[in-house]
Amino acid sequence: MAKLVPTEWIWHDGEFVAWKDANVHVLSHSMQFGSSAFEGIRCYSTPRGPAVFRLEDHLQRMLNSCKIYRMDVKYGIDELVAATCELVERNGIASCYVRPMVLRGYGAAGMVPFDSPVEVFIPCWPWGSYLGDHAMENGADACVSSWHRMAPNTTPSMAKVAGNYLGGQLVKMEALANGYDEAIALGPDGLISEGSGQNVFVVQKGVVFTTPMNGTLLPGITRDTVITLARGLGLEVREGPLQRELLYVCDELFLTGTASEVTPVRSVDKIPVGAGKTGEVTRLLQRTYMDLVQGKIEDKHNWLCHVTAERAAVKQDR
């Protein structure tokens, strides 16, 4: 499993502080109650230097998460984009993982958070393939988790907040304890929801299917990217309820997420998916996605934020 690799600088409320000095109090509200919003964003090495993928979309989702939880953030998208790009440049790493975080700090003693200040941190560090190079190439072995995802209108699944990932931790730890790479969780209705931190896609007779935004899963930015790319390649994509047994009889199965990128699944509950190896559609989408984020093909949607260009623009504005 991936471990944190320290870098030199972390951005905190408008200043760059040393990695070791980016601390919060043990009694901060977010430590006690999980009341922090965050994002996971990848920065890739490209021919034009480091480029952060869909940076503005990730930051907007973080601010939306904060709005749902009544957290007032004093920074706008442009300020956070500039801070992220300067952070990557200062740390001198061409490829990294960026995790903006909005925390409620020290102050409130109970569940009501309003006496705790809202703080913003942006760290980044090197991070390779989430499930390992073997999974990216050959496919991961997954299981169906005994843990289900939340019901709609209980905890807002559209918000990417720390507390939502307690369920994902249970899903993932159960999978690892039973010898699997990953797990897929069902919703309260017994239909497919999502992985421990990924969206789920199945391929059947050349058609790409994925679960809908139904209040049990996070609408992933990588999910949206893959849907857009698939349709651009002429593939039919359908969003709708998916039964558990489809995991066993589909032709192909893959997971998507910022950390996981596009990861094929070769078996579920020890039943081979299709031929038990990465399928043609999955490989096409994985290759197209990786070529895009690494700047090898045209970025038709302007999803890449090139750090050098952004920093030059900021300096010119000043």
Protein backbone atom coordinates (compact mmCIF):
# COMPACT_ATOMS: atom_id res chain seq x y z
CA MET A 1 0.00 0.00 0.00
CA ALA A 2 1.12 3.55 -0.70
CA LYS A 3 2.84 5.50 2.07
CA LEU A 4 3.25 9.23 2.28
CA VAL A 5 6.47 10.58 0.80
CA PRO A 6 7.24 14.00 2.34
CA THR A 7 7.90 16.95 0.08
CA GLU A 8 9.31 20.30 1.14
CA TRP A 9 6.31 22.63 1.15
CA ILE A 10 2.58 22.65 1.98
CA TRP A 11 0.32 25.62 1.26
CA HIS A 12 -1.70 26.76 4.30
CA ASP A 13 -4.07 29.73 4.14
CA GLY A 14 -1.97 31.80 1.79
CA GLU A 15 1.49 30.82 3.04
CA PHE A 16 3.94 28.04 2.30
CA VAL A 17 5.00 26.14 5.40
CA ALA A 18 7.46 23.31 5.84
CA TRP A 19 5.96 19.81 5.60
CA LYS A 20 6.72 19.09 9.26
CA ASP A 21 5.06 22.32 10.40
CA ALA A 22 1.67 21.78 8.72
CA ASN A 23 -0.11 20.72 11.90
CA VAL A 24 -3.56 20.93 13.50
CA HIS A 25 -4.59 20.66 17.14
CA VAL A 26 -5.66 17.21 18.38
CA LEU A 27 -8.99 18.74 19.39
CA SER A 28 -9.70 20.35 16.05
CA HIS A 29 -13.29 19.72 15.00
CA SER A 30 -12.31 17.75 11.92
CA MET A 31 -10.16 15.40 14.02
CA GLN A 32 -13.09 14.69 16.32
CA PHE A 33 -16.00 14.56 13.89
CA GLY A 34 -14.62 13.97 10.39
CA SER A 35 -15.81 17.40 9.22
CA SER A 36 -13.24 18.04 6.52
CA ALA A 37 -13.71 18.35 2.77
CA PHE A 38 -10.93 17.32 0.43
CA GLU A 39 -9.98 16.40 -3.13
CA GLY A 40 -7.55 14.02 -4.74
CA ILE A 41 -5.96 15.41 -7.91
CA ARG A 42 -3.17 14.08 -10.07
CA CYS A 43 -0.43 16.13 -11.66
CA TYR A 44 1.27 14.41 -14.60
CA SER A 45 4.59 14.89 -16.34
CA THR A 46 3.90 16.04 -19.91
CA PRO A 47 6.04 17.33 -22.79
CA ARG A 48 5.10 20.84 -21.62
CA GLY A 49 6.09 20.18 -18.03
CA PRO A 50 3.88 19.29 -15.05
CA ALA A 51 0.13 19.49 -15.75
CA VAL A 52 -2.65 19.10 -13.19
CA PHE A 53 -5.64 17.21 -14.55
CA ARG A 54 -9.07 18.87 -14.24
CA LEU A 55 -7.82 21.10 -11.46
CA GLU A 56 -10.66 23.62 -11.59
CA ASP A 57 -13.30 20.87 -11.63
CA HIS A 58 -11.80 19.25 -8.54
CA LEU A 59 -11.55 22.55 -6.70
CA GLN A 60 -15.12 23.43 -7.59
CA ARG A 61 -16.31 20.09 -6.23
CA MET A 62 -14.42 20.79 -3.00
CA LEU A 63 -16.07 24.18 -2.65
CA ASN A 64 -19.44 22.55 -3.37
CA SER A 65 -18.76 20.00 -0.62
CA CYS A 66 -18.00 22.88 1.74
CA LYS A 67 -21.22 24.64 0.77
CA ILE A 68 -23.26 21.53 1.59
CA TYR A 69 -21.63 21.40 5.04
CA ARG A 70 -21.91 25.18 5.63
CA MET A 71 -18.14 25.74 5.60
CA ASP A 72 -17.25 29.25 4.43
CA VAL A 73 -14.03 29.19 2.40
CA LYS A 74 -12.43 32.60 1.85
CA TYR A 75 -10.55 31.57 -1.28
CA GLY A 76 -11.92 31.39 -4.81
CA ILE A 77 -11.08 28.99 -7.63
CA ASP A 78 -8.46 31.27 -9.20
CA GLU A 79 -6.57 31.69 -5.92
CA LEU A 80 -6.59 27.94 -5.26
CA VAL A 81 -5.45 27.17 -8.81
CA ALA A 82 -2.55 29.60 -8.44
CA ALA A 83 -1.64 28.16 -5.03
CA THR A 84 -1.66 24.60 -6.38
CA CYS A 85 0.54 25.42 -9.34
CA GLU A 86 3.03 27.34 -7.21
CA LEU A 87 3.10 24.44 -4.75
CA VAL A 88 3.99 21.94 -7.49
CA GLU A 89 6.63 24.32 -8.84
CA ARG A 90 8.16 24.97 -5.41
CA ASN A 91 8.35 21.26 -4.61
CA GLY A 92 10.03 20.56 -7.94
CA ILE A 93 8.12 17.39 -8.79
CA ALA A 94 6.80 16.79 -12.30
CA SER A 95 4.37 14.04 -11.34
CA CYS A 96 2.50 14.02 -8.05
CA TYR A 97 -0.77 13.69 -6.16
CA VAL A 98 -2.38 16.87 -4.84
CA ARG A 99 -4.80 16.79 -1.91
CA PRO A 100 -6.48 20.13 -1.13
CA MET A 101 -8.16 19.99 2.28
CA VAL A 102 -10.62 22.25 4.08
CA LEU A 103 -10.59 21.62 7.83
CA ARG A 104 -12.52 22.90 10.80
CA GLY A 105 -9.89 23.73 13.39
CA TYR A 106 -9.69 24.15 17.17
CA GLY A 107 -12.60 25.81 18.95
CA ALA A 108 -15.89 23.93 19.05
CA ALA A 109 -16.23 21.41 21.86
CA GLY A 110 -19.25 19.59 20.49
CA MET A 111 -20.76 18.46 17.22
CA VAL A 112 -21.94 21.94 16.18
CA PRO A 113 -18.87 23.31 14.35
CA PHE A 114 -19.36 27.05 14.09
CA ASP A 115 -16.86 27.99 16.80
CA SER A 116 -14.07 26.29 14.87
CA PRO A 117 -12.17 28.29 12.23
CA VAL A 118 -12.11 27.02 8.65
CA GLU A 119 -8.56 26.32 7.43
CA VAL A 120 -7.31 25.36 3.97
CA PHE A 121 -4.26 23.19 3.28
CA ILE A 122 -2.81 21.99 -0.03
CA PRO A 123 -0.11 19.30 0.16
CA CYS A 124 1.33 17.25 -2.71
CA TRP A 125 3.58 14.21 -2.90
CA PRO A 126 4.73 11.52 -5.35
CA TRP A 127 2.28 8.62 -5.80
CA GLY A 128 2.36 5.82 -8.37
CA SER A 129 -0.37 3.40 -9.42
CA TYR A 130 -2.97 3.06 -6.65
CA LEU A 131 -3.59 -0.67 -7.09
CA GLY A 132 -0.14 -1.37 -8.49
CA ASP A 133 1.27 -1.74 -11.98
CA HIS A 134 0.18 -5.40 -12.09
CA ALA A 135 -3.47 -4.38 -11.71
CA MET A 136 -3.19 -1.65 -14.34
CA GLU A 137 -1.76 -4.16 -16.81
CA ASN A 138 -3.40 -7.47 -15.94
CA GLY A 139 -6.46 -6.47 -13.93
CA ALA A 140 -7.36 -6.46 -10.25
CA ASP A 141 -9.06 -9.23 -8.30
CA ALA A 142 -12.16 -7.88 -6.59
CA CYS A 143 -14.98 -9.09 -4.38
CA VAL A 144 -18.44 -7.87 -3.50
CA SER A 145 -18.27 -6.29 -0.06
CA SER A 146 -20.51 -7.26 2.82
CA TRP A 147 -20.67 -3.53 3.61
CA HIS A 148 -23.26 -1.46 1.76
CA ARG A 149 -23.13 2.19 0.77
CA MET A 150 -25.29 4.81 2.43
CA ALA A 151 -28.93 5.39 1.55
CA PRO A 152 -29.88 8.63 -0.21
CA ASN A 153 -30.75 11.53 2.08
CA THR A 154 -28.75 10.14 5.00
CA THR A 155 -25.21 11.39 4.37
CA PRO A 156 -24.76 13.47 1.18
CA SER A 157 -22.81 11.29 -1.23
CA MET A 158 -22.22 14.21 -3.59
CA ALA A 159 -19.92 15.79 -0.99
CA LYS A 160 -16.36 14.53 -0.84
CA VAL A 161 -15.83 14.69 2.91
CA ALA A 162 -13.65 12.67 5.26
CA GLY A 163 -16.53 11.05 7.14
CA ASN A 164 -17.90 9.47 3.95
CA TYR A 165 -14.73 7.41 3.66
CA LEU A 166 -15.26 5.46 6.86
CA GLY A 167 -17.44 3.08 4.88
CA GLY A 168 -14.84 2.91 2.13
CA GLN A 169 -12.20 1.95 4.67
CA LEU A 170 -14.32 -0.97 5.85
CA VAL A 171 -14.91 -2.06 2.26
CA LYS A 172 -11.19 -1.91 1.41
CA MET A 173 -9.90 -3.53 4.60
CA GLU A 174 -12.34 -6.42 4.25
CA ALA A 175 -11.16 -7.00 0.67
CA LEU A 176 -7.48 -7.01 1.65
CA ALA A 177 -8.11 -9.27 4.65
CA ASN A 178 -9.74 -11.80 2.30
CA GLY A 179 -6.95 -11.70 -0.28
CA TYR A 180 -8.48 -9.36 -2.87
CA ASP A 181 -7.09 -6.16 -4.36
CA GLU A 182 -10.36 -4.23 -4.18
CA ALA A 183 -14.06 -4.53 -3.43
CA ILE A 184 -17.31 -3.36 -4.96
CA ALA A 185 -20.08 -2.25 -2.64
CA LEU A 186 -23.81 -2.47 -3.21
CA GLY A 187 -26.30 0.23 -2.36
CA PRO A 188 -29.13 -0.22 0.18
CA ASP A 189 -31.30 -1.57 -2.67
CA GLY A 190 -28.84 -4.38 -3.41
CA LEU A 191 -27.74 -2.86 -6.72
CA ILE A 192 -24.16 -1.97 -7.67
CA SER A 193 -23.00 1.32 -6.15
CA GLU A 194 -19.21 1.91 -6.23
CA GLY A 195 -15.85 0.58 -5.12
CA SER A 196 -14.09 1.63 -1.92
CA GLY A 197 -13.14 4.87 -3.69
CA GLN A 198 -13.89 4.30 -7.37
CA ASN A 199 -16.78 4.32 -9.79
CA VAL A 200 -17.74 1.09 -11.53
CA PHE A 201 -18.11 0.43 -15.27
CA VAL A 202 -19.11 -2.78 -17.03
CA VAL A 203 -18.91 -3.58 -20.74
CA GLN A 204 -21.44 -5.90 -22.36
CA LYS A 205 -21.57 -6.53 -26.10
CA GLY A 206 -19.53 -3.40 -26.75
CA VAL A 207 -21.82 -1.12 -24.71
CA VAL A 208 -20.35 0.66 -21.68
CA PHE A 209 -22.63 0.72 -18.62
CA THR A 210 -22.15 2.60 -15.36
CA THR A 211 -24.14 3.20 -12.22
CA PRO A 212 -26.25 6.38 -12.00
CA MET A 213 -25.88 9.34 -9.66
CA ASN A 214 -28.43 7.94 -7.21
CA GLY A 215 -27.32 9.29 -3.84
CA THR A 216 -25.23 6.25 -2.86
CA LEU A 217 -21.97 7.14 -4.65
CA LEU A 218 -19.65 10.02 -5.39
CA PRO A 219 -20.08 11.35 -8.96
CA GLY A 220 -16.45 10.99 -9.93
CA ILE A 221 -14.57 13.43 -12.12
CA THR A 222 -12.67 10.52 -13.67
CA ARG A 223 -16.06 8.87 -14.24
CA ASP A 224 -17.20 11.94 -16.16
CA THR A 225 -13.91 11.98 -18.09
CA VAL A 226 -14.23 8.35 -19.15
CA ILE A 227 -17.86 8.79 -20.21
CA THR A 228 -16.85 11.78 -22.34
CA LEU A 229 -13.88 9.94 -23.86
CA ALA A 230 -15.93 6.82 -24.57
CA ARG A 231 -18.59 8.77 -26.43
CA GLY A 232 -15.89 10.64 -28.32
CA LEU A 233 -14.55 7.27 -29.46
CA GLY A 234 -17.97 6.30 -30.77
CA LEU A 235 -18.84 3.95 -27.91
CA GLU A 236 -22.38 3.77 -26.54
CA VAL A 237 -22.55 4.66 -22.84
CA ARG A 238 -25.60 3.98 -20.68
CA GLU A 239 -26.13 5.15 -17.10
CA GLY A 240 -28.63 3.15 -15.08
CA PRO A 241 -29.22 0.62 -12.26
CA LEU A 242 -26.94 -2.43 -12.48
CA GLN A 243 -27.60 -5.76 -10.81
CA ARG A 244 -24.89 -7.50 -8.80
CA GLU A 245 -24.88 -10.59 -11.01
CA LEU A 246 -23.83 -8.48 -13.98
CA LEU A 247 -20.38 -8.35 -12.36
CA TYR A 248 -20.06 -12.10 -12.97
CA VAL A 249 -21.39 -12.32 -16.52
CA CYS A 250 -20.24 -9.07 -18.15
CA ASP A 251 -17.58 -9.09 -20.86
CA GLU A 252 -15.39 -6.47 -19.16
CA LEU A 253 -15.26 -4.59 -15.88
CA PHE A 254 -13.17 -1.61 -14.80
CA LEU A 255 -12.90 0.96 -12.02
CA THR A 256 -12.20 4.67 -12.35
CA GLY A 257 -10.91 7.31 -9.97
CA THR A 258 -8.19 9.91 -9.69
CA ALA A 259 -5.93 7.53 -7.77
CA SER A 260 -7.04 4.37 -9.62
CA GLU A 261 -7.18 6.07 -13.06
CA VAL A 262 -8.69 3.33 -15.30
CA THR A 263 -8.05 -0.03 -13.64
CA PRO A 264 -9.34 -3.26 -15.20
CA VAL A 265 -10.90 -5.97 -13.00
CA ARG A 266 -10.16 -9.56 -14.03
CA SER A 267 -12.23 -11.42 -11.44
CA VAL A 268 -15.04 -10.85 -8.94
CA ASP A 269 -15.51 -13.27 -6.04
CA LYS A 270 -12.99 -15.51 -7.83
CA ILE A 271 -15.19 -15.71 -10.92
CA PRO A 272 -13.26 -14.57 -14.03
CA VAL A 273 -14.61 -11.48 -15.76
CA GLY A 274 -14.97 -12.34 -19.45
CA ALA A 275 -11.74 -14.04 -20.50
CA GLY A 276 -10.12 -13.20 -17.16
CA LYS A 277 -7.91 -10.48 -18.61
CA THR A 278 -8.12 -6.86 -19.68
CA GLY A 279 -10.69 -6.47 -22.45
CA GLU A 280 -10.38 -4.49 -25.67
CA VAL A 281 -12.77 -1.68 -24.69
CA THR A 282 -11.15 -1.28 -21.27
CA ARG A 283 -7.69 -1.19 -22.81
CA LEU A 284 -8.79 1.40 -25.36
CA LEU A 285 -10.25 3.67 -22.69
CA GLN A 286 -7.28 3.17 -20.37
CA ARG A 287 -4.81 4.01 -23.14
CA THR A 288 -6.80 7.04 -24.30
CA TYR A 289 -7.11 8.33 -20.75
CA MET A 290 -3.40 7.92 -19.98
CA ASP A 291 -2.37 9.46 -23.30
CA LEU A 292 -4.58 12.45 -22.54
CA VAL A 293 -3.38 13.11 -18.98
CA GLN A 294 0.24 12.69 -20.04
CA GLY A 295 -0.14 15.21 -22.85
CA LYS A 296 0.43 12.71 -25.67
CA ILE A 297 -2.81 13.52 -27.51
CA GLU A 298 -4.80 16.71 -28.07
CA ASP A 299 -6.54 18.07 -25.00
CA LYS A 300 -9.83 18.98 -26.70
CA HIS A 301 -11.58 19.86 -23.46
CA ASN A 302 -8.81 21.99 -21.90
CA TRP A 303 -8.63 19.65 -18.92
CA LEU A 304 -4.87 20.00 -18.39
CA CYS A 305 -3.66 22.92 -16.28
CA HIS A 306 -0.03 23.36 -17.30
CA VAL A 307 1.86 24.57 -14.25
CA THR A 308 4.51 26.58 -16.11
CA ALA A 309 1.92 28.42 -18.22
CA GLU A 310 -0.30 29.11 -15.23
CA ARG A 311 2.61 30.46 -13.18
CA ALA A 312 3.69 32.69 -16.07
CA ALA A 313 0.15 34.07 -16.35
CA VAL A 314 0.01 34.78 -12.63
CA LYS A 315 3.34 36.60 -12.70
CA GLN A 316 2.20 38.67 -15.67
CA ASP A 317 -1.00 39.67 -13.83
CA ARG A 318 1.06 40.83 -10.88
